[in-house]
Amino acid sequence: PFILLALFLLLHREGRAALDRMVSGTVSSAPVSSGGRALDS
């Protein structure tokens, strides 16, 4: 599961966008409300 999560973060477009947000410090602490997208939070 940890291998697959790392691969998802690097291979999937939304995973890379989440990494970009985490690295840039623009991580939001708001609850998930945009159509159930888990990575938006």
Full PDB file with SEQRES, HELIX, SHEET, SSBOND, CRYST1, ORIGX, SCALE, CONECT and MASTER records, all heavy atoms in Angstrom:
SEQRES   1 A   41  PRO PHE ILE LEU LEU ALA LEU PHE LEU LEU LEU HIS ARG          
SEQRES   2 A   41  GLU GLY ARG ALA ALA LEU ASP ARG MET VAL SER GLY THR          
SEQRES   3 A   41  VAL SER SER ALA PRO VAL SER SER GLY GLY ARG ALA LEU          
SEQRES   4 A   41  ASP SER                                                      
HELIX    1 AA1 PHE A    2  LEU A   11  1                                  10    
HELIX    2 AA2 ARG A   13  SER A   24  1                                  12    
HELIX    3 AA3 ALA A   38  ASP A   40  5                                   3    
CRYST1    1.000    1.000    1.000  90.00  90.00  90.00 P 1           1          
ORIGX1      1.000000  0.000000  0.000000        0.00000                         
ORIGX2      0.000000  1.000000  0.000000        0.00000                         
ORIGX3      0.000000  0.000000  1.000000        0.00000                         
SCALE1      1.000000  0.000000  0.000000        0.00000                         
SCALE2      0.000000  1.000000  0.000000        0.00000                         
SCALE3      0.000000  0.000000  1.000000        0.00000                         
ATOM      1  N   PRO A   1       0.811  -1.227   0.000  1.00  0.00           N  
ATOM      2  CA  PRO A   1       0.000   0.000   0.000  1.00  0.00           C  
ATOM      3  C   PRO A   1       0.842   1.274   0.000  1.00  0.00           C  
ATOM      4  O   PRO A   1       0.478   2.264  -0.633  1.00  0.00           O  
ATOM      5  CB  PRO A   1      -0.824  -0.103   1.285  1.00  0.00           C  
ATOM      6  CG  PRO A   1      -0.843  -1.547   1.611  1.00  0.00           C  
ATOM      7  CD  PRO A   1       0.443  -2.109   1.109  1.00  0.00           C  
ATOM      8  N   PHE A   2       1.972   1.243   0.670  1.00  0.00           N  
ATOM      9  CA  PHE A   2       2.838   2.422   0.715  1.00  0.00           C  
ATOM     10  C   PHE A   2       3.524   2.653  -0.628  1.00  0.00           C  
ATOM     11  O   PHE A   2       3.707   3.792  -1.059  1.00  0.00           O  
ATOM     12  CB  PHE A   2       3.874   2.275   1.843  1.00  0.00           C  
ATOM     13  CG  PHE A   2       3.235   2.077   3.179  1.00  0.00           C  
ATOM     14  CD1 PHE A   2       3.165   0.826   3.757  1.00  0.00           C  
ATOM     15  CD2 PHE A   2       2.673   3.145   3.855  1.00  0.00           C  
ATOM     16  CE1 PHE A   2       2.572   0.636   4.982  1.00  0.00           C  
ATOM     17  CE2 PHE A   2       2.066   2.966   5.087  1.00  0.00           C  
ATOM     18  CZ  PHE A   2       2.011   1.711   5.647  1.00  0.00           C  
ATOM     19  N   ILE A   3       3.897   1.566  -1.295  1.00  0.00           N  
ATOM     20  CA  ILE A   3       4.477   1.679  -2.640  1.00  0.00           C  
ATOM     21  C   ILE A   3       3.449   2.267  -3.595  1.00  0.00           C  
ATOM     22  O   ILE A   3       3.750   3.192  -4.358  1.00  0.00           O  
ATOM     23  CB  ILE A   3       4.956   0.303  -3.143  1.00  0.00           C  
ATOM     24  CG1 ILE A   3       6.108  -0.218  -2.305  1.00  0.00           C  
ATOM     25  CG2 ILE A   3       5.357   0.373  -4.612  1.00  0.00           C  
ATOM     26  CD1 ILE A   3       6.488  -1.656  -2.604  1.00  0.00           C  
ATOM     27  N   LEU A   4       2.223   1.752  -3.539  1.00  0.00           N  
ATOM     28  CA  LEU A   4       1.184   2.231  -4.448  1.00  0.00           C  
ATOM     29  C   LEU A   4       0.818   3.685  -4.172  1.00  0.00           C  
ATOM     30  O   LEU A   4       0.566   4.451  -5.111  1.00  0.00           O  
ATOM     31  CB  LEU A   4      -0.045   1.333  -4.355  1.00  0.00           C  
ATOM     32  CG  LEU A   4       0.151  -0.100  -4.853  1.00  0.00           C  
ATOM     33  CD1 LEU A   4      -1.101  -0.922  -4.616  1.00  0.00           C  
ATOM     34  CD2 LEU A   4       0.571  -0.116  -6.300  1.00  0.00           C  
ATOM     35  N   LEU A   5       0.806   4.095  -2.911  1.00  0.00           N  
ATOM     36  CA  LEU A   5       0.516   5.496  -2.588  1.00  0.00           C  
ATOM     37  C   LEU A   5       1.611   6.409  -3.126  1.00  0.00           C  
ATOM     38  O   LEU A   5       1.319   7.463  -3.705  1.00  0.00           O  
ATOM     39  CB  LEU A   5       0.349   5.689  -1.083  1.00  0.00           C  
ATOM     40  CG  LEU A   5       0.015   7.103  -0.632  1.00  0.00           C  
ATOM     41  CD1 LEU A   5      -1.281   7.596  -1.267  1.00  0.00           C  
ATOM     42  CD2 LEU A   5      -0.076   7.154   0.877  1.00  0.00           C  
ATOM     43  N   ALA A   6       2.868   6.023  -2.971  1.00  0.00           N  
ATOM     44  CA  ALA A   6       3.967   6.832  -3.513  1.00  0.00           C  
ATOM     45  C   ALA A   6       3.876   6.902  -5.039  1.00  0.00           C  
ATOM     46  O   ALA A   6       4.074   7.969  -5.634  1.00  0.00           O  
ATOM     47  CB  ALA A   6       5.311   6.254  -3.082  1.00  0.00           C  
ATOM     48  N   LEU A   7       3.550   5.778  -5.680  1.00  0.00           N  
ATOM     49  CA  LEU A   7       3.410   5.785  -7.140  1.00  0.00           C  
ATOM     50  C   LEU A   7       2.238   6.659  -7.574  1.00  0.00           C  
ATOM     51  O   LEU A   7       2.325   7.381  -8.561  1.00  0.00           O  
ATOM     52  CB  LEU A   7       3.233   4.361  -7.668  1.00  0.00           C  
ATOM     53  CG  LEU A   7       4.464   3.471  -7.602  1.00  0.00           C  
ATOM     54  CD1 LEU A   7       4.118   2.062  -8.028  1.00  0.00           C  
ATOM     55  CD2 LEU A   7       5.593   4.031  -8.429  1.00  0.00           C  
ATOM     56  N   PHE A   8       1.131   6.607  -6.822  1.00  0.00           N  
ATOM     57  CA  PHE A   8      -0.011   7.459  -7.142  1.00  0.00           C  
ATOM     58  C   PHE A   8       0.362   8.932  -7.044  1.00  0.00           C  
ATOM     59  O   PHE A   8       0.024   9.734  -7.919  1.00  0.00           O  
ATOM     60  CB  PHE A   8      -1.189   7.162  -6.207  1.00  0.00           C  
ATOM     61  CG  PHE A   8      -2.297   8.164  -6.333  1.00  0.00           C  
ATOM     62  CD1 PHE A   8      -3.175   8.106  -7.403  1.00  0.00           C  
ATOM     63  CD2 PHE A   8      -2.452   9.181  -5.407  1.00  0.00           C  
ATOM     64  CE1 PHE A   8      -4.190   9.039  -7.535  1.00  0.00           C  
ATOM     65  CE2 PHE A   8      -3.463  10.110  -5.532  1.00  0.00           C  
ATOM     66  CZ  PHE A   8      -4.331  10.039  -6.595  1.00  0.00           C  
ATOM     67  N   LEU A   9       1.068   9.306  -5.977  1.00  0.00           N  
ATOM     68  CA  LEU A   9       1.440  10.706  -5.810  1.00  0.00           C  
ATOM     69  C   LEU A   9       2.312  11.204  -6.953  1.00  0.00           C  
ATOM     70  O   LEU A   9       2.215  12.355  -7.355  1.00  0.00           O  
ATOM     71  CB  LEU A   9       2.164  10.905  -4.481  1.00  0.00           C  
ATOM     72  CG  LEU A   9       1.287  10.897  -3.239  1.00  0.00           C  
ATOM     73  CD1 LEU A   9       2.150  10.937  -1.980  1.00  0.00           C  
ATOM     74  CD2 LEU A   9       0.312  12.053  -3.251  1.00  0.00           C  
ATOM     75  N   LEU A  10       3.167  10.338  -7.472  1.00  0.00           N  
ATOM     76  CA  LEU A  10       4.078  10.770  -8.524  1.00  0.00           C  
ATOM     77  C   LEU A  10       3.510  10.612  -9.928  1.00  0.00           C  
ATOM     78  O   LEU A  10       3.846  11.386 -10.821  1.00  0.00           O  
ATOM     79  CB  LEU A  10       5.393  10.003  -8.414  1.00  0.00           C  
ATOM     80  CG  LEU A  10       6.225  10.352  -7.190  1.00  0.00           C  
ATOM     81  CD1 LEU A  10       7.390   9.395  -7.053  1.00  0.00           C  
ATOM     82  CD2 LEU A  10       6.705  11.788  -7.248  1.00  0.00           C  
ATOM     83  N   LEU A  11       2.651   9.629 -10.154  1.00  0.00           N  
ATOM     84  CA  LEU A  11       2.180   9.357 -11.510  1.00  0.00           C  
ATOM     85  C   LEU A  11       0.874  10.051 -11.864  1.00  0.00           C  
ATOM     86  O   LEU A  11       0.667  10.412 -13.017  1.00  0.00           O  
ATOM     87  CB  LEU A  11       2.009   7.851 -11.718  1.00  0.00           C  
ATOM     88  CG  LEU A  11       3.293   7.049 -11.797  1.00  0.00           C  
ATOM     89  CD1 LEU A  11       2.990   5.569 -11.848  1.00  0.00           C  
ATOM     90  CD2 LEU A  11       4.110   7.465 -13.007  1.00  0.00           C  
ATOM     91  N   HIS A  12       0.008  10.228 -10.900  1.00  0.00           N  
ATOM     92  CA  HIS A  12      -1.307  10.794 -11.203  1.00  0.00           C  
ATOM     93  C   HIS A  12      -1.241  12.327 -11.171  1.00  0.00           C  
ATOM     94  O   HIS A  12      -0.557  12.925 -10.352  1.00  0.00           O  
ATOM     95  CB  HIS A  12      -2.336  10.286 -10.196  1.00  0.00           C  
ATOM     96  CG  HIS A  12      -3.740  10.471 -10.657  1.00  0.00           C  
ATOM     97  ND1 HIS A  12      -4.441  11.611 -10.407  1.00  0.00           N  
ATOM     98  CD2 HIS A  12      -4.560   9.654 -11.365  1.00  0.00           C  
ATOM     99  CE1 HIS A  12      -5.655  11.504 -10.922  1.00  0.00           C  
ATOM    100  NE2 HIS A  12      -5.749  10.314 -11.512  1.00  0.00           N  
ATOM    101  N   ARG A  13      -1.975  12.934 -12.065  1.00  0.00           N  
ATOM    102  CA  ARG A  13      -1.986  14.399 -12.174  1.00  0.00           C  
ATOM    103  C   ARG A  13      -2.411  15.053 -10.855  1.00  0.00           C  
ATOM    104  O   ARG A  13      -1.802  16.018 -10.414  1.00  0.00           O  
ATOM    105  CB  ARG A  13      -2.917  14.804 -13.309  1.00  0.00           C  
ATOM    106  CG  ARG A  13      -3.049  16.286 -13.523  1.00  0.00           C  
ATOM    107  CD  ARG A  13      -3.977  16.604 -14.692  1.00  0.00           C  
ATOM    108  NE  ARG A  13      -5.119  15.717 -14.823  1.00  0.00           N  
ATOM    109  CZ  ARG A  13      -6.300  15.929 -14.220  1.00  0.00           C  
ATOM    110  NH1 ARG A  13      -6.483  16.966 -13.465  1.00  0.00           N  
ATOM    111  NH2 ARG A  13      -7.292  15.075 -14.399  1.00  0.00           N  
ATOM    112  N   GLU A  14      -3.453  14.530 -10.223  1.00  0.00           N  
ATOM    113  CA  GLU A  14      -3.916  15.118  -8.963  1.00  0.00           C  
ATOM    114  C   GLU A  14      -2.923  14.861  -7.829  1.00  0.00           C  
ATOM    115  O   GLU A  14      -2.788  15.674  -6.931  1.00  0.00           O  
ATOM    116  CB  GLU A  14      -5.293  14.575  -8.599  1.00  0.00           C  
ATOM    117  CG  GLU A  14      -6.382  15.102  -9.497  1.00  0.00           C  
ATOM    118  CD  GLU A  14      -7.753  14.640  -9.056  1.00  0.00           C  
ATOM    119  OE1 GLU A  14      -7.891  14.165  -7.914  1.00  0.00           O  
ATOM    120  OE2 GLU A  14      -8.686  14.762  -9.858  1.00  0.00           O  
ATOM    121  N   GLY A  15      -2.238  13.738  -7.885  1.00  0.00           N  
ATOM    122  CA  GLY A  15      -1.217  13.456  -6.880  1.00  0.00           C  
ATOM    123  C   GLY A  15      -0.065  14.443  -6.978  1.00  0.00           C  
ATOM    124  O   GLY A  15       0.423  14.950  -5.963  1.00  0.00           O  
ATOM    125  N   ARG A  16       0.377  14.728  -8.215  1.00  0.00           N  
ATOM    126  CA  ARG A  16       1.454  15.722  -8.389  1.00  0.00           C  
ATOM    127  C   ARG A  16       0.977  17.110  -7.986  1.00  0.00           C  
ATOM    128  O   ARG A  16       1.732  17.891  -7.417  1.00  0.00           O  
ATOM    129  CB  ARG A  16       1.942  15.711  -9.831  1.00  0.00           C  
ATOM    130  CG  ARG A  16       2.756  14.488 -10.169  1.00  0.00           C  
ATOM    131  CD  ARG A  16       3.450  14.607 -11.511  1.00  0.00           C  
ATOM    132  NE  ARG A  16       2.560  14.958 -12.607  1.00  0.00           N  
ATOM    133  CZ  ARG A  16       1.871  14.096 -13.332  1.00  0.00           C  
ATOM    134  NH1 ARG A  16       1.957  12.805 -13.080  1.00  0.00           N  
ATOM    135  NH2 ARG A  16       1.101  14.491 -14.313  1.00  0.00           N  
ATOM    136  N   ALA A  17      -0.295  17.436  -8.258  1.00  0.00           N  
ATOM    137  CA  ALA A  17      -0.827  18.735  -7.839  1.00  0.00           C  
ATOM    138  C   ALA A  17      -0.852  18.832  -6.317  1.00  0.00           C  
ATOM    139  O   ALA A  17      -0.528  19.885  -5.752  1.00  0.00           O  
ATOM    140  CB  ALA A  17      -2.234  18.933  -8.403  1.00  0.00           C  
ATOM    141  N   ALA A  18      -1.210  17.735  -5.648  1.00  0.00           N  
ATOM    142  CA  ALA A  18      -1.191  17.734  -4.184  1.00  0.00           C  
ATOM    143  C   ALA A  18       0.227  17.892  -3.655  1.00  0.00           C  
ATOM    144  O   ALA A  18       0.460  18.626  -2.690  1.00  0.00           O  
ATOM    145  CB  ALA A  18      -1.819  16.452  -3.648  1.00  0.00           C  
ATOM    146  N   LEU A  19       1.192  17.232  -4.290  1.00  0.00           N  
ATOM    147  CA  LEU A  19       2.587  17.393  -3.886  1.00  0.00           C  
ATOM    148  C   LEU A  19       3.044  18.830  -4.085  1.00  0.00           C  
ATOM    149  O   LEU A  19       3.744  19.394  -3.233  1.00  0.00           O  
ATOM    150  CB  LEU A  19       3.487  16.446  -4.683  1.00  0.00           C  
ATOM    151  CG  LEU A  19       3.523  14.999  -4.240  1.00  0.00           C  
ATOM    152  CD1 LEU A  19       4.327  14.167  -5.227  1.00  0.00           C  
ATOM    153  CD2 LEU A  19       4.086  14.869  -2.850  1.00  0.00           C  
ATOM    154  N   ASP A  20       2.666  19.426  -5.214  1.00  0.00           N  
ATOM    155  CA  ASP A  20       3.026  20.821  -5.461  1.00  0.00           C  
ATOM    156  C   ASP A  20       2.448  21.736  -4.378  1.00  0.00           C  
ATOM    157  O   ASP A  20       3.130  22.641  -3.904  1.00  0.00           O  
ATOM    158  CB  ASP A  20       2.539  21.273  -6.835  1.00  0.00           C  
ATOM    159  CG  ASP A  20       3.355  20.680  -7.971  1.00  0.00           C  
ATOM    160  OD1 ASP A  20       4.550  20.384  -7.751  1.00  0.00           O  
ATOM    161  OD2 ASP A  20       2.791  20.506  -9.068  1.00  0.00           O  
ATOM    162  N   ARG A  21       1.194  21.480  -3.990  1.00  0.00           N  
ATOM    163  CA  ARG A  21       0.585  22.296  -2.936  1.00  0.00           C  
ATOM    164  C   ARG A  21       1.275  22.086  -1.595  1.00  0.00           C  
ATOM    165  O   ARG A  21       1.490  23.026  -0.842  1.00  0.00           O  
ATOM    166  CB  ARG A  21      -0.906  21.990  -2.813  1.00  0.00           C  
ATOM    167  CG  ARG A  21      -1.736  22.564  -3.943  1.00  0.00           C  
ATOM    168  CD  ARG A  21      -3.223  22.499  -3.642  1.00  0.00           C  
ATOM    169  NE  ARG A  21      -3.697  21.158  -3.360  1.00  0.00           N  
ATOM    170  CZ  ARG A  21      -4.133  20.297  -4.273  1.00  0.00           C  
ATOM    171  NH1 ARG A  21      -4.142  20.646  -5.548  1.00  0.00           N  
ATOM    172  NH2 ARG A  21      -4.568  19.101  -3.927  1.00  0.00           N  
ATOM    173  N   MET A  22       1.630  20.846  -1.284  1.00  0.00           N  
ATOM    174  CA  MET A  22       2.304  20.569  -0.010  1.00  0.00           C  
ATOM    175  C   MET A  22       3.678  21.218   0.041  1.00  0.00           C  
ATOM    176  O   MET A  22       4.077  21.754   1.071  1.00  0.00           O  
ATOM    177  CB  MET A  22       2.431  19.068   0.211  1.00  0.00           C  
ATOM    178  CG  MET A  22       1.159  18.401   0.663  1.00  0.00           C  
ATOM    179  SD  MET A  22       1.446  16.683   1.100  1.00  0.00           S  
ATOM    180  CE  MET A  22       0.652  15.879  -0.270  1.00  0.00           C  
ATOM    181  N   VAL A  23       4.385  21.167  -1.070  1.00  0.00           N  
ATOM    182  CA  VAL A  23       5.735  21.741  -1.109  1.00  0.00           C  
ATOM    183  C   VAL A  23       5.677  23.260  -1.060  1.00  0.00           C  
ATOM    184  O   VAL A  23       6.481  23.901  -0.397  1.00  0.00           O  
ATOM    185  CB  VAL A  23       6.487  21.247  -2.364  1.00  0.00           C  
ATOM    186  CG1 VAL A  23       7.757  22.029  -2.590  1.00  0.00           C  
ATOM    187  CG2 VAL A  23       6.786  19.770  -2.236  1.00  0.00           C  
ATOM    188  N   SER A  24       4.697  23.853  -1.752  1.00  0.00           N  
ATOM    189  CA  SER A  24       4.620  25.309  -1.792  1.00  0.00           C  
ATOM    190  C   SER A  24       4.017  25.892  -0.519  1.00  0.00           C  
ATOM    191  O   SER A  24       4.066  27.099  -0.318  1.00  0.00           O  
ATOM    192  CB  SER A  24       3.810  25.766  -3.006  1.00  0.00           C  
ATOM    193  OG  SER A  24       2.458  25.403  -2.847  1.00  0.00           O  
ATOM    194  N   GLY A  25       3.431  25.040   0.317  1.00  0.00           N  
ATOM    195  CA  GLY A  25       2.868  25.529   1.569  1.00  0.00           C  
ATOM    196  C   GLY A  25       1.464  26.050   1.452  1.00  0.00           C  
ATOM    197  O   GLY A  25       0.965  26.715   2.349  1.00  0.00           O  
ATOM    198  N   THR A  26       0.786  25.744   0.362  1.00  0.00           N  
ATOM    199  CA  THR A  26      -0.588  26.226   0.179  1.00  0.00           C  
ATOM    200  C   THR A  26      -1.592  25.119   0.477  1.00  0.00           C  
ATOM    201  O   THR A  26      -2.611  25.005  -0.171  1.00  0.00           O  
ATOM    202  CB  THR A  26      -0.807  26.732  -1.257  1.00  0.00           C  
ATOM    203  OG1 THR A  26      -0.534  25.657  -2.156  1.00  0.00           O  
ATOM    204  CG2 THR A  26       0.053  27.920  -1.556  1.00  0.00           C  
ATOM    205  N   VAL A  27      -1.296  24.319   1.466  1.00  0.00           N  
ATOM    206  CA  VAL A  27      -2.185  23.238   1.852  1.00  0.00           C  
ATOM    207  C   VAL A  27      -3.355  23.828   2.606  1.00  0.00           C  
ATOM    208  O   VAL A  27      -3.187  24.540   3.586  1.00  0.00           O  
ATOM    209  CB  VAL A  27      -1.453  22.207   2.730  1.00  0.00           C  
ATOM    210  CG1 VAL A  27      -2.395  21.105   3.164  1.00  0.00           C  
ATOM    211  CG2 VAL A  27      -0.265  21.642   1.995  1.00  0.00           C  
ATOM    212  N   SER A  28      -4.567  23.526   2.147  1.00  0.00           N  
ATOM    213  CA  SER A  28      -5.739  24.075   2.820  1.00  0.00           C  
ATOM    214  C   SER A  28      -6.171  23.123   3.921  1.00  0.00           C  
ATOM    215  O   SER A  28      -6.043  21.915   3.813  1.00  0.00           O  
ATOM    216  CB  SER A  28      -6.884  24.290   1.827  1.00  0.00           C  
ATOM    217  OG  SER A  28      -7.708  23.168   1.774  1.00  0.00           O  
ATOM    218  N   SER A  29      -6.711  23.671   4.994  1.00  0.00           N  
ATOM    219  CA  SER A  29      -7.194  22.845   6.091  1.00  0.00           C  
ATOM    220  C   SER A  29      -8.709  22.749   6.072  1.00  0.00           C  
ATOM    221  O   SER A  29      -9.313  22.299   7.020  1.00  0.00           O  
ATOM    222  CB  SER A  29      -6.726  23.428   7.420  1.00  0.00           C  
ATOM    223  OG  SER A  29      -7.218  24.748   7.554  1.00  0.00           O  
ATOM    224  N   ALA A  30      -9.327  23.186   4.965  1.00  0.00           N  
ATOM    225  CA  ALA A  30     -10.779  23.135   4.850  1.00  0.00           C  
ATOM    226  C   ALA A  30     -11.228  21.704   4.594  1.00  0.00           C  
ATOM    227  O   ALA A  30     -10.508  20.919   3.990  1.00  0.00           O  
ATOM    228  CB  ALA A  30     -11.238  24.036   3.704  1.00  0.00           C  
ATOM    229  N   PRO A  31     -12.429  21.355   5.053  1.00  0.00           N  
ATOM    230  CA  PRO A  31     -12.924  20.002   4.800  1.00  0.00           C  
ATOM    231  C   PRO A  31     -13.206  19.793   3.317  1.00  0.00           C  
ATOM    232  O   PRO A  31     -13.377  20.739   2.561  1.00  0.00           O  
ATOM    233  CB  PRO A  31     -14.212  19.926   5.621  1.00  0.00           C  
ATOM    234  CG  PRO A  31     -14.594  21.342   5.875  1.00  0.00           C  
ATOM    235  CD  PRO A  31     -13.344  22.153   5.847  1.00  0.00           C  
ATOM    236  N   VAL A  32     -13.265  18.538   2.923  1.00  0.00           N  
ATOM    237  CA  VAL A  32     -13.522  18.188   1.529  1.00  0.00           C  
ATOM    238  C   VAL A  32     -14.951  18.565   1.190  1.00  0.00           C  
ATOM    239  O   VAL A  32     -15.885  18.130   1.826  1.00  0.00           O  
ATOM    240  CB  VAL A  32     -13.313  16.678   1.299  1.00  0.00           C  
ATOM    241  CG1 VAL A  32     -13.638  16.310  -0.122  1.00  0.00           C  
ATOM    242  CG2 VAL A  32     -11.918  16.297   1.651  1.00  0.00           C  
ATOM    243  N   SER A  33     -15.116  19.424   0.173  1.00  0.00           N  
ATOM    244  CA  SER A  33     -16.464  19.840  -0.197  1.00  0.00           C  
ATOM    245  C   SER A  33     -16.633  19.985  -1.698  1.00  0.00           C  
ATOM    246  O   SER A  33     -17.682  20.394  -2.136  1.00  0.00           O  
ATOM    247  CB  SER A  33     -16.802  21.164   0.488  1.00  0.00           C  
ATOM    248  OG  SER A  33     -15.944  22.169   0.022  1.00  0.00           O  
ATOM    249  N   SER A  34     -15.636  19.693  -2.469  1.00  0.00           N  
ATOM    250  CA  SER A  34     -15.737  19.906  -3.914  1.00  0.00           C  
ATOM    251  C   SER A  34     -15.961  18.599  -4.637  1.00  0.00           C  
ATOM    252  O   SER A  34     -15.077  18.055  -5.276  1.00  0.00           O  
ATOM    253  CB  SER A  34     -14.466  20.587  -4.426  1.00  0.00           C  
ATOM    254  OG  SER A  34     -13.364  19.751  -4.197  1.00  0.00           O  
ATOM    255  N   GLY A  35     -17.137  18.061  -4.513  1.00  0.00           N  
ATOM    256  CA  GLY A  35     -17.479  16.841  -5.239  1.00  0.00           C  
ATOM    257  C   GLY A  35     -16.841  15.595  -4.692  1.00  0.00           C  
ATOM    258  O   GLY A  35     -16.677  14.631  -5.408  1.00  0.00           O  
ATOM    259  N   GLY A  36     -16.412  15.593  -3.446  1.00  0.00           N  
ATOM    260  CA  GLY A  36     -15.854  14.405  -2.834  1.00  0.00           C  
ATOM    261  C   GLY A  36     -14.419  14.110  -3.235  1.00  0.00           C  
ATOM    262  O   GLY A  36     -13.958  13.016  -3.072  1.00  0.00           O  
ATOM    263  N   ARG A  37     -13.705  15.046  -3.760  1.00  0.00           N  
ATOM    264  CA  ARG A  37     -12.325  14.831  -4.158  1.00  0.00           C  
ATOM    265  C   ARG A  37     -11.443  14.882  -2.915  1.00  0.00           C  
ATOM    266  O   ARG A  37     -11.275  15.933  -2.309  1.00  0.00           O  
ATOM    267  CB  ARG A  37     -11.878  15.858  -5.175  1.00  0.00           C  
ATOM    268  CG  ARG A  37     -12.717  15.791  -6.436  1.00  0.00           C  
ATOM    269  CD  ARG A  37     -12.302  16.866  -7.357  1.00  0.00           C  
ATOM    270  NE  ARG A  37     -11.777  16.197  -8.556  1.00  0.00           N  
ATOM    271  CZ  ARG A  37     -11.060  16.808  -9.447  1.00  0.00           C  
ATOM    272  NH1 ARG A  37     -10.728  18.058  -9.307  1.00  0.00           N  
ATOM    273  NH2 ARG A  37     -10.654  16.167 -10.507  1.00  0.00           N  
ATOM    274  N   ALA A  38     -10.886  13.768  -2.551  1.00  0.00           N  
ATOM    275  CA  ALA A  38     -10.125  13.663  -1.309  1.00  0.00           C  
ATOM    276  C   ALA A  38      -8.834  14.466  -1.335  1.00  0.00           C  
ATOM    277  O   ALA A  38      -8.413  14.994  -0.321  1.00  0.00           O  
ATOM    278  CB  ALA A  38      -9.813  12.195  -1.012  1.00  0.00           C  
ATOM    279  N   LEU A  39      -8.207  14.594  -2.486  1.00  0.00           N  
ATOM    280  CA  LEU A  39      -6.925  15.288  -2.544  1.00  0.00           C  
ATOM    281  C   LEU A  39      -7.072  16.798  -2.517  1.00  0.00           C  
ATOM    282  O   LEU A  39      -6.097  17.495  -2.334  1.00  0.00           O  
ATOM    283  CB  LEU A  39      -6.155  14.872  -3.789  1.00  0.00           C  
ATOM    284  CG  LEU A  39      -5.576  13.461  -3.739  1.00  0.00           C  
ATOM    285  CD1 LEU A  39      -4.887  13.139  -5.044  1.00  0.00           C  
ATOM    286  CD2 LEU A  39      -4.629  13.302  -2.585  1.00  0.00           C  
ATOM    287  N   ASP A  40      -8.293  17.315  -2.685  1.00  0.00           N  
ATOM    288  CA  ASP A  40      -8.458  18.752  -2.636  1.00  0.00           C  
ATOM    289  C   ASP A  40      -8.189  19.314  -1.237  1.00  0.00           C  
ATOM    290  O   ASP A  40      -7.847  20.469  -1.091  1.00  0.00           O  
ATOM    291  CB  ASP A  40      -9.888  19.156  -3.044  1.00  0.00           C  
ATOM    292  CG  ASP A  40     -10.092  19.022  -4.549  1.00  0.00           C  
ATOM    293  OD1 ASP A  40      -9.058  18.893  -5.258  1.00  0.00           O  
ATOM    294  OD2 ASP A  40     -11.230  19.040  -4.995  1.00  0.00           O  
ATOM    295  N   SER A  41      -8.315  18.488  -0.228  1.00  0.00           N  
ATOM    296  CA  SER A  41      -8.092  18.979   1.126  1.00  0.00           C  
ATOM    297  C   SER A  41      -6.634  18.926   1.522  1.00  0.00           C  
ATOM    298  O   SER A  41      -6.268  19.378   2.585  1.00  0.00           O  
ATOM    299  CB  SER A  41      -8.926  18.190   2.120  1.00  0.00           C  
ATOM    300  OG  SER A  41      -8.484  16.843   2.130  1.00  0.00           O  
TER     301      SER A  41                                                      
MASTER        0    0    0    3    0    0    0    6  300    1    0    4          
END                                                                             
